[in-house]
């Protein structure tokens, strides 16, 4: 029986050969160099793919939240090139590579899967574009403009410390920028929501 959280284009054969993995916050899903046997679909929580800089700091290569694929680029390689970590308690569906390739032979699945990957690619392009911006405030504004939902809100499932890695800055810098935007009347925030104000109060 298909889980209500699975996309409706998933085939029964794909689900039958897959399994749900439950992870705790901070737990590692896979390591750099591990052999690729499949990819993941996030049911709940959040995953991030990270590499370490020569100085030992963390560089976030991608993130995935509920309804998104994770490590899909691994379909084209033999070994993972990042470490995968959970930022919150997480449930993922592990999809075997060979089963995915078989499912792609069905036009309906192939089309829906390609569209989902296109959405992931858009988010990745936005992330790389954001990291090219020099000013911290510009990076934060880019994040809020590009990643808000239909209501105009940006919801973050983990801590602000974790959020700081998204625009590639230290937590102290993020706190300063958010405080500046809030004092300027350009931002509303609470513990798990950030929202740009459409008009700055007079």
Foldseek 3Di string as FASTA:
>chain_A
DDDPLDDPLDDPLQQVPKDKDKDAAFDWPDAFFDFDFFWKAWQAAKKWWWDADPVGDIATQAMDGRGAIGPPVCLVDTTDHTIMGTRHTTMIMTTGSVVLVVSCVDPVNVVVVVVRVVVRVVVSVLQVVLLPDDDPLSSVVSCQVPQADPVQKHFDPHALCVVQSSSDHGSVSVVVSQVVCVVQQQWDDDGGIIGGDPDRDD
